[in-house]
Structure formats: C-alpha cells, structure tokens
C-alpha cells in the first residue's frame, strides 16, 4: 500500500531529527531515523497495525515508534500519515 506523508508530517520528521542531532548527536540521529523509517515501512506493510482513535476523528489511527506516534488515516489505496508527534505532546491541539 502506498504511504503518503502530509507536509505537516514531513515537517514533524525533520524537526524530530534536527532536535535529536542537536541534543544527542549524529549517531543517535541516525539510529532514530532508522527506527522511524522501519516504523513507516512496517506501517505500509501492515496498515491495520495501528490503534483506532475515534475520539480524535472517525478514521484516525496511531502507531508508536519509540517516543513518537504516527497518526494516520487508512484509505482504500493509501495510508496518509497526518502527523508525527512526541508521545508527550497535546494530540488534540496538534491534530485540530
């Protein structure tokens, strides 16, 4: 299944990696980037792996990769990753 990242999700990923390199260094950034890439690949192979979140909106699902959560919508032909948020972030604020 095709995996599409919204511009917001792309920006989220860039911010995560920038923060990681600034705080933890290049080695940790590489490891985290690999983990996120593997999480996205696993999601593309198993779209129903994520947990439903009808309290956020009807078709919202999430899948956790380390400290971040991929929020996505499962369509007929594609998975659309809406946001990539840290687990401590206010989800409602960032998904509205």
PDB file of N, CA and C in Angstrom:
ATOM      1  N   UNK A   1       0.842  -1.177   0.000  1.00  0.00           N
ATOM      2  CA  UNK A   1       0.000   0.000   0.000  1.00  0.00           C
ATOM      3  C   UNK A   1       0.890   1.243   0.000  1.00  0.00           C
ATOM      4  N   UNK A   2       0.467   2.249  -0.713  1.00  0.00           N
ATOM      5  CA  UNK A   2       1.235   3.487  -0.806  1.00  0.00           C
ATOM      6  C   UNK A   2       1.181   4.250   0.520  1.00  0.00           C
ATOM      7  N   UNK A   3       2.303   4.824   0.901  1.00  0.00           N
ATOM      8  CA  UNK A   3       2.407   5.607   2.124  1.00  0.00           C
ATOM      9  C   UNK A   3       2.653   7.058   1.738  1.00  0.00           C
ATOM     10  N   UNK A   4       1.766   7.948   2.195  1.00  0.00           N
ATOM     11  CA  UNK A   4       1.869   9.372   1.893  1.00  0.00           C
ATOM     12  C   UNK A   4       2.028  10.127   3.200  1.00  0.00           C
ATOM     13  N   UNK A   5       2.984  11.032   3.239  1.00  0.00           N
ATOM     14  CA  UNK A   5       3.168  11.900   4.397  1.00  0.00           C
ATOM     15  C   UNK A   5       2.687  13.303   4.039  1.00  0.00           C
ATOM     16  N   UNK A   6       1.824  13.859   4.864  1.00  0.00           N
ATOM     17  CA  UNK A   6       1.385  15.233   4.643  1.00  0.00           C
ATOM     18  C   UNK A   6       2.586  16.165   4.835  1.00  0.00           C
ATOM     19  N   UNK A   7       2.495  17.389   4.346  1.00  0.00           N
ATOM     20  CA  UNK A   7       3.573  18.351   4.602  1.00  0.00           C
ATOM     21  C   UNK A   7       3.843  18.528   6.107  1.00  0.00           C
ATOM     22  N   UNK A   8       2.788  18.477   6.915  1.00  0.00           N
ATOM     23  CA  UNK A   8       2.967  18.596   8.363  1.00  0.00           C
ATOM     24  C   UNK A   8       3.768  17.425   8.916  1.00  0.00           C
ATOM     25  N   UNK A   9       3.464  16.203   8.455  1.00  0.00           N
ATOM     26  CA  UNK A   9       4.188  15.019   8.906  1.00  0.00           C
ATOM     27  C   UNK A   9       5.644  15.076   8.453  1.00  0.00           C
ATOM     28  N   UNK A  10       5.883  15.547   7.244  1.00  0.00           N
ATOM     29  CA  UNK A  10       7.252  15.697   6.762  1.00  0.00           C
ATOM     30  C   UNK A  10       8.018  16.693   7.626  1.00  0.00           C
ATOM     31  N   UNK A  11       7.364  17.787   7.964  1.00  0.00           N
ATOM     32  CA  UNK A  11       7.975  18.805   8.825  1.00  0.00           C
ATOM     33  C   UNK A  11       8.236  18.234  10.225  1.00  0.00           C
ATOM     34  N   UNK A  12       7.273  17.458  10.737  1.00  0.00           N
ATOM     35  CA  UNK A  12       7.449  16.825  12.049  1.00  0.00           C
ATOM     36  C   UNK A  12       8.695  15.939  12.057  1.00  0.00           C
ATOM     37  N   UNK A  13       8.846  15.116  11.028  1.00  0.00           N
ATOM     38  CA  UNK A  13      10.006  14.220  10.958  1.00  0.00           C
ATOM     39  C   UNK A  13      11.312  15.008  10.896  1.00  0.00           C
ATOM     40  N   UNK A  14      11.327  16.057  10.094  1.00  0.00           N
ATOM     41  CA  UNK A  14      12.529  16.893  10.006  1.00  0.00           C
ATOM     42  C   UNK A  14      12.847  17.518  11.362  1.00  0.00           C
ATOM     43  N   UNK A  15      11.822  17.983  12.067  1.00  0.00           N
ATOM     44  CA  UNK A  15      12.022  18.583  13.388  1.00  0.00           C
ATOM     45  C   UNK A  15      12.541  17.564  14.395  1.00  0.00           C
ATOM     46  N   UNK A  16      12.008  16.355  14.355  1.00  0.00           N
ATOM     47  CA  UNK A  16      12.460  15.291  15.261  1.00  0.00           C
ATOM     48  C   UNK A  16      13.945  15.019  15.048  1.00  0.00           C
ATOM     49  N   UNK A  17      14.336  14.895  13.796  1.00  0.00           N
ATOM     50  CA  UNK A  17      15.729  14.576  13.506  1.00  0.00           C
ATOM     51  C   UNK A  17      16.661  15.737  13.823  1.00  0.00           C
ATOM     52  N   UNK A  18      16.222  16.961  13.603  1.00  0.00           N
ATOM     53  CA  UNK A  18      17.017  18.129  13.952  1.00  0.00           C
ATOM     54  C   UNK A  18      17.206  18.208  15.470  1.00  0.00           C
ATOM     55  N   UNK A  19      16.130  18.029  16.202  1.00  0.00           N
ATOM     56  CA  UNK A  19      16.197  18.042  17.660  1.00  0.00           C
ATOM     57  C   UNK A  19      17.144  16.956  18.166  1.00  0.00           C
ATOM     58  N   UNK A  20      17.028  15.767  17.577  1.00  0.00           N
ATOM     59  CA  UNK A  20      17.857  14.641  18.014  1.00  0.00           C
ATOM     60  C   UNK A  20      19.336  14.908  17.772  1.00  0.00           C
ATOM     61  N   UNK A  21      19.687  15.428  16.618  1.00  0.00           N
ATOM     62  CA  UNK A  21      21.103  15.687  16.340  1.00  0.00           C
ATOM     63  C   UNK A  21      21.628  16.801  17.240  1.00  0.00           C
ATOM     64  N   UNK A  22      20.807  17.799  17.525  1.00  0.00           N
ATOM     65  CA  UNK A  22      21.246  18.900  18.388  1.00  0.00           C
ATOM     66  C   UNK A  22      21.424  18.462  19.837  1.00  0.00           C
ATOM     67  N   UNK A  23      20.570  17.574  20.312  1.00  0.00           N
ATOM     68  CA  UNK A  23      20.607  17.156  21.717  1.00  0.00           C
ATOM     69  C   UNK A  23      21.433  15.893  21.972  1.00  0.00           C
ATOM     70  N   UNK A  24      21.442  14.994  20.986  1.00  0.00           N
ATOM     71  CA  UNK A  24      22.039  13.673  21.230  1.00  0.00           C
ATOM     72  C   UNK A  24      23.169  13.304  20.276  1.00  0.00           C
ATOM     73  N   UNK A  25      23.347  14.069  19.215  1.00  0.00           N
ATOM     74  CA  UNK A  25      24.442  13.798  18.286  1.00  0.00           C
ATOM     75  C   UNK A  25      24.014  13.006  17.056  1.00  0.00           C
ATOM     76  N   UNK A  26      24.960  12.906  16.129  1.00  0.00           N
ATOM     77  CA  UNK A  26      24.677  12.281  14.830  1.00  0.00           C
ATOM     78  C   UNK A  26      24.402  10.786  14.924  1.00  0.00           C
ATOM     79  N   UNK A  27      25.122  10.090  15.782  1.00  0.00           N
ATOM     80  CA  UNK A  27      24.897   8.649  15.900  1.00  0.00           C
ATOM     81  C   UNK A  27      23.465   8.349  16.348  1.00  0.00           C
ATOM     82  N   UNK A  28      23.010   9.077  17.354  1.00  0.00           N
ATOM     83  CA  UNK A  28      21.643   8.871  17.839  1.00  0.00           C
ATOM     84  C   UNK A  28      20.626   9.293  16.786  1.00  0.00           C
ATOM     85  N   UNK A  29      20.927  10.368  16.063  1.00  0.00           N
ATOM     86  CA  UNK A  29      20.028  10.794  14.987  1.00  0.00           C
ATOM     87  C   UNK A  29      19.903   9.695  13.932  1.00  0.00           C
ATOM     88  N   UNK A  30      21.017   9.085  13.570  1.00  0.00           N
ATOM     89  CA  UNK A  30      20.986   8.001  12.579  1.00  0.00           C
ATOM     90  C   UNK A  30      20.149   6.824  13.079  1.00  0.00           C
ATOM     91  N   UNK A  31      20.332   6.462  14.345  1.00  0.00           N
ATOM     92  CA  UNK A  31      19.552   5.348  14.908  1.00  0.00           C
ATOM     93  C   UNK A  31      18.059   5.680  14.938  1.00  0.00           C
ATOM     94  N   UNK A  32      17.748   6.918  15.316  1.00  0.00           N
ATOM     95  CA  UNK A  32      16.330   7.299  15.396  1.00  0.00           C
ATOM     96  C   UNK A  32      15.707   7.375  14.004  1.00  0.00           C
ATOM     97  N   UNK A  33      16.459   7.898  13.046  1.00  0.00           N
ATOM     98  CA  UNK A  33      15.967   7.955  11.664  1.00  0.00           C
ATOM     99  C   UNK A  33      15.694   6.549  11.140  1.00  0.00           C
ATOM    100  N   UNK A  34      16.592   5.622  11.445  1.00  0.00           N
ATOM    101  CA  UNK A  34      16.396   4.228  11.033  1.00  0.00           C
ATOM    102  C   UNK A  34      15.145   3.644  11.676  1.00  0.00           C
ATOM    103  N   UNK A  35      14.954   3.900  12.961  1.00  0.00           N
ATOM    104  CA  UNK A  35      13.760   3.388  13.660  1.00  0.00           C
ATOM    105  C   UNK A  35      12.486   3.958  13.045  1.00  0.00           C
ATOM    106  N   UNK A  36      12.488   5.253  12.744  1.00  0.00           N
ATOM    107  CA  UNK A  36      11.303   5.864  12.136  1.00  0.00           C
ATOM    108  C   UNK A  36      11.053   5.301  10.733  1.00  0.00           C
ATOM    109  N   UNK A  37      12.113   5.136   9.957  1.00  0.00           N
ATOM    110  CA  UNK A  37      11.967   4.547   8.619  1.00  0.00           C
ATOM    111  C   UNK A  37      11.410   3.126   8.698  1.00  0.00           C
ATOM    112  N   UNK A  38      11.913   2.354   9.645  1.00  0.00           N
ATOM    113  CA  UNK A  38      11.421   0.981   9.815  1.00  0.00           C
ATOM    114  C   UNK A  38       9.961   0.983  10.264  1.00  0.00           C
ATOM    115  N   UNK A  39       9.600   1.910  11.135  1.00  0.00           N
ATOM    116  CA  UNK A  39       8.213   2.018  11.580  1.00  0.00           C
ATOM    117  C   UNK A  39       7.283   2.369  10.435  1.00  0.00           C
ATOM    118  N   UNK A  40       7.703   3.298   9.597  1.00  0.00           N
ATOM    119  CA  UNK A  40       6.890   3.672   8.435  1.00  0.00           C
ATOM    120  C   UNK A  40       6.768   2.501   7.456  1.00  0.00           C
ATOM    121  N   UNK A  41       7.853   1.773   7.246  1.00  0.00           N
ATOM    122  CA  UNK A  41       7.814   0.605   6.351  1.00  0.00           C
ATOM    123  C   UNK A  41       6.887  -0.473   6.905  1.00  0.00           C
ATOM    124  N   UNK A  42       6.956  -0.708   8.205  1.00  0.00           N
ATOM    125  CA  UNK A  42       6.077  -1.699   8.825  1.00  0.00           C
ATOM    126  C   UNK A  42       4.614  -1.279   8.697  1.00  0.00           C
ATOM    127  N   UNK A  43       4.359  -0.010   8.874  1.00  0.00           N
ATOM    128  CA  UNK A  43       3.001   0.514   8.719  1.00  0.00           C
ATOM    129  C   UNK A  43       2.503   0.320   7.287  1.00  0.00           C
ATOM    130  N   UNK A  44       3.362   0.554   6.316  1.00  0.00           N
ATOM    131  CA  UNK A  44       2.972   0.374   4.909  1.00  0.00           C
ATOM    132  C   UNK A  44       2.642  -1.090   4.611  1.00  0.00           C
ATOM    133  N   UNK A  45       3.357  -2.003   5.261  1.00  0.00           N
ATOM    134  CA  UNK A  45       3.115  -3.432   5.044  1.00  0.00           C
ATOM    135  C   UNK A  45       1.911  -3.947   5.824  1.00  0.00           C
ATOM    136  N   UNK A  46       1.621  -3.329   6.956  1.00  0.00           N
ATOM    137  CA  UNK A  46       0.545  -3.770   7.855  1.00  0.00           C
ATOM    138  C   UNK A  46      -0.295  -2.573   8.293  1.00  0.00           C
ATOM    139  N   UNK A  47      -1.093  -2.022   7.406  1.00  0.00           N
ATOM    140  CA  UNK A  47      -1.799  -0.779   7.704  1.00  0.00           C
ATOM    141  C   UNK A  47      -2.736  -0.833   8.917  1.00  0.00           C
ATOM    142  N   UNK A  48      -3.226  -1.999   9.239  1.00  0.00           N
ATOM    143  CA  UNK A  48      -4.161  -2.102  10.361  1.00  0.00           C
ATOM    144  C   UNK A  48      -3.446  -2.290  11.697  1.00  0.00           C
ATOM    145  N   UNK A  49      -2.124  -2.202  11.688  1.00  0.00           N
ATOM    146  CA  UNK A  49      -1.354  -2.431  12.908  1.00  0.00           C
ATOM    147  C   UNK A  49      -1.626  -1.368  13.980  1.00  0.00           C
ATOM    148  N   UNK A  50      -1.994  -0.183  13.540  1.00  0.00           N
ATOM    149  CA  UNK A  50      -2.203   0.916  14.468  1.00  0.00           C
ATOM    150  C   UNK A  50      -3.505   0.820  15.238  1.00  0.00           C
ATOM    151  N   UNK A  51      -3.551   1.580  16.290  1.00  0.00           N
ATOM    152  CA  UNK A  51      -4.712   1.615  17.175  1.00  0.00           C
ATOM    153  C   UNK A  51      -5.719   2.658  16.686  1.00  0.00           C
ATOM    154  N   UNK A  52      -7.003   2.330  16.638  1.00  0.00           N
ATOM    155  CA  UNK A  52      -8.010   3.322  16.232  1.00  0.00           C
ATOM    156  C   UNK A  52      -8.174   4.404  17.302  1.00  0.00           C
ATOM    157  N   UNK A  53      -8.470   5.603  16.845  1.00  0.00           N
ATOM    158  CA  UNK A  53      -8.702   6.740  17.744  1.00  0.00           C
ATOM    159  C   UNK A  53      -9.960   7.497  17.329  1.00  0.00           C
ATOM    160  N   UNK A  54     -11.118   6.890  17.493  1.00  0.00           N
ATOM    161  CA  UNK A  54     -12.351   7.581  17.097  1.00  0.00           C
ATOM    162  C   UNK A  54     -12.618   8.834  17.926  1.00  0.00           C
ATOM    163  N   UNK A  55     -11.986   8.933  19.100  1.00  0.00           N
ATOM    164  CA  UNK A  55     -12.175  10.125  19.918  1.00  0.00           C
ATOM    165  C   UNK A  55     -11.501  11.351  19.293  1.00  0.00           C
ATOM    166  N   UNK A  56     -10.525  11.122  18.409  1.00  0.00           N
ATOM    167  CA  UNK A  56      -9.868  12.233  17.715  1.00  0.00           C
ATOM    168  C   UNK A  56     -10.652  12.606  16.465  1.00  0.00           C
ATOM    169  N   UNK A  57     -10.887  11.629  15.623  1.00  0.00           N
ATOM    170  CA  UNK A  57     -11.814  11.727  14.494  1.00  0.00           C
ATOM    171  C   UNK A  57     -12.024  10.333  13.945  1.00  0.00           C
ATOM    172  N   UNK A  58     -13.059  10.165  13.204  1.00  0.00           N
ATOM    173  CA  UNK A  58     -13.587   8.845  12.836  1.00  0.00           C
ATOM    174  C   UNK A  58     -12.558   7.860  12.291  1.00  0.00           C
ATOM    175  N   UNK A  59     -11.733   8.261  11.371  1.00  0.00           N
ATOM    176  CA  UNK A  59     -10.837   7.299  10.716  1.00  0.00           C
ATOM    177  C   UNK A  59      -9.389   7.382  11.214  1.00  0.00           C
ATOM    178  N   UNK A  60      -9.165   8.068  12.299  1.00  0.00           N
ATOM    179  CA  UNK A  60      -7.808   8.243  12.819  1.00  0.00           C
ATOM    180  C   UNK A  60      -7.285   6.962  13.468  1.00  0.00           C
ATOM    181  N   UNK A  61      -6.012   6.669  13.172  1.00  0.00           N
ATOM    182  CA  UNK A  61      -5.314   5.544  13.791  1.00  0.00           C
ATOM    183  C   UNK A  61      -3.939   6.047  14.212  1.00  0.00           C
ATOM    184  N   UNK A  62      -3.284   5.292  15.094  1.00  0.00           N
ATOM    185  CA  UNK A  62      -1.937   5.681  15.501  1.00  0.00           C
ATOM    186  C   UNK A  62      -1.053   4.453  15.629  1.00  0.00           C
ATOM    187  N   UNK A  63       0.232   4.689  15.427  1.00  0.00           N
ATOM    188  CA  UNK A  63       1.238   3.645  15.589  1.00  0.00           C
ATOM    189  C   UNK A  63       2.462   4.272  16.238  1.00  0.00           C
ATOM    190  N   UNK A  64       2.899   3.696  17.341  1.00  0.00           N
ATOM    191  CA  UNK A  64       4.018   4.259  18.103  1.00  0.00           C
ATOM    192  C   UNK A  64       5.348   3.709  17.610  1.00  0.00           C
ATOM    193  N   UNK A  65       6.296   4.625  17.436  1.00  0.00           N
ATOM    194  CA  UNK A  65       7.677   4.281  17.112  1.00  0.00           C
ATOM    195  C   UNK A  65       8.548   4.993  18.144  1.00  0.00           C
ATOM    196  N   UNK A  66       9.073   4.219  19.053  1.00  0.00           N
ATOM    197  CA  UNK A  66       9.850   4.741  20.174  1.00  0.00           C
ATOM    198  C   UNK A  66       9.044   5.816  20.905  1.00  0.00           C
ATOM    199  N   UNK A  67       9.553   7.044  20.947  1.00  0.00           N
ATOM    200  CA  UNK A  67       8.873   8.115  21.698  1.00  0.00           C
ATOM    201  C   UNK A  67       7.901   8.920  20.852  1.00  0.00           C
ATOM    202  N   UNK A  68       7.733   8.546  19.592  1.00  0.00           N
ATOM    203  CA  UNK A  68       6.851   9.305  18.704  1.00  0.00           C
ATOM    204  C   UNK A  68       5.687   8.448  18.228  1.00  0.00           C
ATOM    205  N   UNK A  69       4.615   9.135  17.909  1.00  0.00           N
ATOM    206  CA  UNK A  69       3.405   8.452  17.462  1.00  0.00           C
ATOM    207  C   UNK A  69       3.052   8.949  16.067  1.00  0.00           C
ATOM    208  N   UNK A  70       2.882   7.991  15.172  1.00  0.00           N
ATOM    209  CA  UNK A  70       2.452   8.293  13.810  1.00  0.00           C
ATOM    210  C   UNK A  70       0.928   8.295  13.801  1.00  0.00           C
ATOM    211  N   UNK A  71       0.321   9.414  13.494  1.00  0.00           N
ATOM    212  CA  UNK A  71      -1.136   9.492  13.359  1.00  0.00           C
ATOM    213  C   UNK A  71      -1.454   9.429  11.880  1.00  0.00           C
ATOM    214  N   UNK A  72      -2.364   8.531  11.522  1.00  0.00           N
ATOM    215  CA  UNK A  72      -2.622   8.315  10.109  1.00  0.00           C
ATOM    216  C   UNK A  72      -4.076   7.943   9.839  1.00  0.00           C
ATOM    217  N   UNK A  73      -4.396   8.011   8.552  1.00  0.00           N
ATOM    218  CA  UNK A  73      -5.708   7.620   8.050  1.00  0.00           C
ATOM    219  C   UNK A  73      -5.478   6.524   7.025  1.00  0.00           C
ATOM    220  N   UNK A  74      -6.255   5.481   7.124  1.00  0.00           N
ATOM    221  CA  UNK A  74      -6.154   4.352   6.207  1.00  0.00           C
ATOM    222  C   UNK A  74      -7.211   4.516   5.123  1.00  0.00           C
ATOM    223  N   UNK A  75      -6.745   4.739   3.905  1.00  0.00           N
ATOM    224  CA  UNK A  75      -7.660   4.878   2.778  1.00  0.00           C
ATOM    225  C   UNK A  75      -7.732   3.596   1.978  1.00  0.00           C
ATOM    226  N   UNK A  76      -8.465   3.611   0.877  1.00  0.00           N
ATOM    227  CA  UNK A  76      -8.598   2.428   0.029  1.00  0.00           C
ATOM    228  C   UNK A  76      -7.291   2.051  -0.662  1.00  0.00           C
ATOM    229  N   UNK A  77      -6.520   3.073  -1.058  1.00  0.00           N
ATOM    230  CA  UNK A  77      -5.299   2.792  -1.812  1.00  0.00           C
ATOM    231  C   UNK A  77      -4.047   3.373  -1.182  1.00  0.00           C
ATOM    232  N   UNK A  78      -4.198   4.085  -0.079  1.00  0.00           N
ATOM    233  CA  UNK A  78      -3.028   4.718   0.528  1.00  0.00           C
ATOM    234  C   UNK A  78      -3.216   4.886   2.030  1.00  0.00           C
ATOM    235  N   UNK A  79      -2.087   4.969   2.691  1.00  0.00           N
ATOM    236  CA  UNK A  79      -2.037   5.335   4.097  1.00  0.00           C
ATOM    237  C   UNK A  79      -1.524   6.764   4.118  1.00  0.00           C
ATOM    238  N   UNK A  80      -2.244   7.647   4.770  1.00  0.00           N
ATOM    239  CA  UNK A  80      -1.831   9.038   4.842  1.00  0.00           C
ATOM    240  C   UNK A  80      -1.414   9.339   6.282  1.00  0.00           C
ATOM    241  N   UNK A  81      -0.116   9.564   6.460  1.00  0.00           N
ATOM    242  CA  UNK A  81       0.396   9.939   7.775  1.00  0.00           C
ATOM    243  C   UNK A  81       0.160  11.438   7.926  1.00  0.00           C
ATOM    244  N   UNK A  82      -0.656  11.776   8.919  1.00  0.00           N
ATOM    245  CA  UNK A  82      -1.068  13.161   9.122  1.00  0.00           C
ATOM    246  C   UNK A  82      -0.047  13.923   9.948  1.00  0.00           C
ATOM    247  N   UNK A  83       0.395  13.319  11.039  1.00  0.00           N
ATOM    248  CA  UNK A  83       1.354  13.972  11.938  1.00  0.00           C
ATOM    249  C   UNK A  83       2.253  12.916  12.563  1.00  0.00           C
ATOM    250  N   UNK A  84       3.408  13.359  13.022  1.00  0.00           N
ATOM    251  CA  UNK A  84       4.337  12.547  13.799  1.00  0.00           C
ATOM    252  C   UNK A  84       4.611  13.353  15.061  1.00  0.00           C
ATOM    253  N   UNK A  85       4.000  12.936  16.168  1.00  0.00           N
ATOM    254  CA  UNK A  85       4.052  13.724  17.400  1.00  0.00           C
ATOM    255  C   UNK A  85       4.744  12.954  18.518  1.00  0.00           C
ATOM    256  N   UNK A  86       5.457  13.688  19.357  1.00  0.00           N
ATOM    257  CA  UNK A  86       6.058  13.081  20.538  1.00  0.00           C
ATOM    258  C   UNK A  86       4.934  12.618  21.448  1.00  0.00           C
ATOM    259  N   UNK A  87       5.162  11.545  22.157  1.00  0.00           N
ATOM    260  CA  UNK A  87       4.113  10.960  22.999  1.00  0.00           C
ATOM    261  C   UNK A  87       3.642  11.907  24.101  1.00  0.00           C
ATOM    262  N   UNK A  88       4.452  12.897  24.459  1.00  0.00           N
ATOM    263  CA  UNK A  88       4.040  13.850  25.494  1.00  0.00           C
ATOM    264  C   UNK A  88       3.329  15.087  24.945  1.00  0.00           C
ATOM    265  N   UNK A  89       3.224  15.189  23.640  1.00  0.00           N
ATOM    266  CA  UNK A  89       2.576  16.365  23.057  1.00  0.00           C
ATOM    267  C   UNK A  89       1.060  16.282  23.204  1.00  0.00           C
ATOM    268  N   UNK A  90       0.435  17.424  23.201  1.00  0.00           N
ATOM    269  CA  UNK A  90      -1.021  17.537  23.279  1.00  0.00           C
ATOM    270  C   UNK A  90      -1.598  17.187  21.896  1.00  0.00           C
ATOM    271  N   UNK A  91      -2.043  15.960  21.772  1.00  0.00           N
ATOM    272  CA  UNK A  91      -2.520  15.455  20.480  1.00  0.00           C
ATOM    273  C   UNK A  91      -3.674  16.281  19.935  1.00  0.00           C
ATOM    274  N   UNK A  92      -4.652  16.581  20.754  1.00  0.00           N
ATOM    275  CA  UNK A  92      -5.816  17.344  20.294  1.00  0.00           C
ATOM    276  C   UNK A  92      -5.400  18.696  19.723  1.00  0.00           C
ATOM    277  N   UNK A  93      -4.466  19.339  20.376  1.00  0.00           N
ATOM    278  CA  UNK A  93      -4.012  20.653  19.918  1.00  0.00           C
ATOM    279  C   UNK A  93      -3.339  20.564  18.543  1.00  0.00           C
ATOM    280  N   UNK A  94      -2.575  19.514  18.324  1.00  0.00           N
ATOM    281  CA  UNK A  94      -1.808  19.408  17.086  1.00  0.00           C
ATOM    282  C   UNK A  94      -2.587  18.757  15.942  1.00  0.00           C
ATOM    283  N   UNK A  95      -3.666  18.088  16.243  1.00  0.00           N
ATOM    284  CA  UNK A  95      -4.466  17.463  15.174  1.00  0.00           C
ATOM    285  C   UNK A  95      -5.681  18.282  14.775  1.00  0.00           C
ATOM    286  N   UNK A  96      -5.934  19.364  15.478  1.00  0.00           N
ATOM    287  CA  UNK A  96      -7.124  20.159  15.129  1.00  0.00           C
ATOM    288  C   UNK A  96      -6.837  21.125  14.018  1.00  0.00           C
TER     289      UNK A  96
END
